[in-house]
């Protein structure tokens, strides 16, 4: 009897942990490390970005404060959907739908990212290699 109640409590606790992580706000405050061409990335992600790329990144590839804010908002969205590792295992069309439906805009990202437009992102090919590469940057 004791063993059965332990198993039940373990299952209950693990399901509650899963539920609580789904409803917790995900926030990321660190910029991706690496020498990225923010200009190219911005134009690929333009359908979900509300400010123009000219306002987010300078011609010499330096992110503005709004550009850094957009990066954090994109990271938040990728994290909310399950992270880059999870998304990289999906079909590119499933990735787009997951982002569109489940990557919500927290209050600090209103006016920066509009995930509802994710289906307009260029996925490159049927394998979505470009899309997956971009997502890996924000993971």
Protein backbone atom coordinates (compact mmCIF):
# COMPACT_ATOMS: atom_id res chain seq x y z
CA UNK A 1 0.00 0.00 0.00
CA UNK A 2 2.82 2.41 0.91
CA UNK A 3 4.56 1.73 -2.40
CA UNK A 4 1.36 2.49 -4.37
CA UNK A 5 0.82 5.79 -2.56
CA UNK A 6 4.48 6.75 -3.21
CA UNK A 7 4.04 6.04 -6.93
CA UNK A 8 0.79 8.04 -6.94
CA UNK A 9 2.41 11.00 -5.16
CA UNK A 10 5.40 10.90 -7.53
CA UNK A 11 3.10 10.94 -10.56
CA UNK A 12 1.01 13.71 -9.06
CA UNK A 13 4.06 15.82 -8.22
CA UNK A 14 5.59 15.38 -11.67
CA UNK A 15 2.34 16.33 -13.38
CA UNK A 16 1.97 19.40 -11.16
CA UNK A 17 5.55 20.43 -11.93
CA UNK A 18 4.77 20.10 -15.64
CA UNK A 19 1.60 22.16 -15.26
CA UNK A 20 3.32 24.85 -13.22
CA UNK A 21 6.11 25.28 -15.77
CA UNK A 22 3.59 25.70 -18.56
CA UNK A 23 1.94 28.64 -16.79
CA UNK A 24 5.05 30.31 -15.43
CA UNK A 25 6.21 33.35 -17.38
CA UNK A 26 9.40 32.58 -19.22
CA UNK A 27 11.88 35.40 -19.38
CA UNK A 28 15.35 35.51 -20.76
CA UNK A 29 17.58 38.51 -20.28
CA UNK A 30 20.82 37.50 -21.96
CA UNK A 31 21.69 38.24 -25.57
CA UNK A 32 22.87 35.28 -27.65
CA UNK A 33 26.64 34.97 -27.71
CA UNK A 34 28.30 34.90 -31.07
CA UNK A 35 29.24 37.05 -33.99
CA UNK A 36 25.88 37.17 -35.77
CA UNK A 37 24.83 39.21 -38.74
CA UNK A 38 21.90 40.92 -37.01
CA UNK A 39 20.94 42.71 -40.22
CA UNK A 40 20.34 39.43 -42.08
CA UNK A 41 18.59 37.86 -39.08
CA UNK A 42 16.36 40.89 -38.75
CA UNK A 43 15.23 40.70 -42.36
CA UNK A 44 14.51 36.96 -42.04
CA UNK A 45 12.40 37.62 -38.93
CA UNK A 46 10.82 40.79 -40.31
CA UNK A 47 7.28 39.29 -40.52
CA UNK A 48 7.11 38.94 -36.71
CA UNK A 49 8.93 42.17 -35.88
CA UNK A 50 6.79 45.26 -35.44
CA UNK A 51 9.56 47.92 -35.55
CA UNK A 52 11.43 48.12 -38.83
CA UNK A 53 14.84 46.51 -39.06
CA UNK A 54 16.31 50.00 -39.55
CA UNK A 55 15.18 50.80 -36.00
CA UNK A 56 16.49 47.52 -34.55
CA UNK A 57 19.97 47.24 -36.03
CA UNK A 58 22.32 49.83 -37.49
CA UNK A 59 24.05 49.56 -40.87
CA UNK A 60 27.24 48.55 -39.04
CA UNK A 61 25.46 45.54 -37.43
CA UNK A 62 24.99 47.05 -33.94
CA UNK A 63 21.73 46.31 -32.14
CA UNK A 64 19.82 49.31 -30.85
CA UNK A 65 18.14 49.15 -27.44
CA UNK A 66 14.93 48.16 -29.26
CA UNK A 67 16.91 45.52 -31.16
CA UNK A 68 18.18 44.05 -27.89
CA UNK A 69 14.63 44.12 -26.56
CA UNK A 70 13.41 42.29 -29.70
CA UNK A 71 16.09 39.62 -29.20
CA UNK A 72 14.92 39.03 -25.62
CA UNK A 73 11.29 38.85 -26.80
CA UNK A 74 12.17 36.27 -29.45
CA UNK A 75 14.10 34.27 -26.85
CA UNK A 76 11.06 34.43 -24.58
CA UNK A 77 8.82 33.12 -27.36
CA UNK A 78 11.15 30.24 -28.24
CA UNK A 79 11.43 29.36 -24.54
CA UNK A 80 7.66 29.49 -24.01
CA UNK A 81 7.11 27.01 -26.84
CA UNK A 82 9.58 24.50 -25.41
CA UNK A 83 13.00 25.72 -26.47
CA UNK A 84 15.19 25.26 -29.48
CA UNK A 85 16.02 21.61 -28.80
CA UNK A 86 12.32 20.69 -28.81
CA UNK A 87 11.54 22.83 -31.86
CA UNK A 88 14.49 21.49 -33.86
CA UNK A 89 12.91 18.03 -33.80
CA UNK A 90 9.68 19.25 -35.42
CA UNK A 91 8.65 19.71 -39.01
CA UNK A 92 9.17 23.38 -40.03
CA UNK A 93 5.44 23.91 -40.54
CA UNK A 94 4.78 22.54 -37.04
CA UNK A 95 7.43 24.94 -35.67
CA UNK A 96 5.64 27.87 -37.28
CA UNK A 97 2.27 26.77 -35.89
CA UNK A 98 3.72 26.26 -32.40
CA UNK A 99 5.26 29.73 -32.44
CA UNK A 100 2.11 31.27 -33.87
CA UNK A 101 -0.22 29.66 -31.34
CA UNK A 102 1.81 29.34 -28.15
CA UNK A 103 4.56 31.97 -28.12
CA UNK A 104 2.63 34.71 -26.39
CA UNK A 105 3.77 38.31 -26.17
CA UNK A 106 4.45 39.24 -22.54
CA UNK A 107 3.63 42.86 -21.64
CA UNK A 108 7.21 44.02 -22.17
CA UNK A 109 7.12 42.66 -25.74
CA UNK A 110 3.92 44.31 -26.90
CA UNK A 111 4.75 46.45 -29.90
CA UNK A 112 7.95 44.51 -30.60
CA UNK A 113 7.07 40.96 -31.70
CA UNK A 114 3.85 39.67 -33.23
CA UNK A 115 3.98 35.87 -33.21
CA UNK A 116 0.63 35.68 -35.04
CA UNK A 117 2.58 36.56 -38.20
CA UNK A 118 4.99 33.61 -37.80
CA UNK A 119 3.54 31.81 -40.81
CA UNK A 120 5.06 34.54 -43.01
CA UNK A 121 8.62 33.68 -41.95
CA UNK A 122 10.66 32.17 -44.80
CA UNK A 123 11.39 28.58 -43.80
CA UNK A 124 13.95 28.09 -46.59
CA UNK A 125 13.08 24.53 -47.65
CA UNK A 126 10.95 21.53 -46.66
CA UNK A 127 13.45 20.66 -43.92
CA UNK A 128 13.41 24.17 -42.51
CA UNK A 129 17.18 24.23 -42.01
CA UNK A 130 17.39 28.03 -42.07
CA UNK A 131 14.45 28.35 -39.68
CA UNK A 132 15.98 25.79 -37.31
CA UNK A 133 19.37 27.53 -37.49
CA UNK A 134 17.77 30.86 -36.60
CA UNK A 135 15.83 29.30 -33.72
CA UNK A 136 19.03 27.72 -32.37
CA UNK A 137 20.51 31.21 -32.01
CA UNK A 138 17.68 32.20 -29.68
CA UNK A 139 17.84 29.07 -27.52
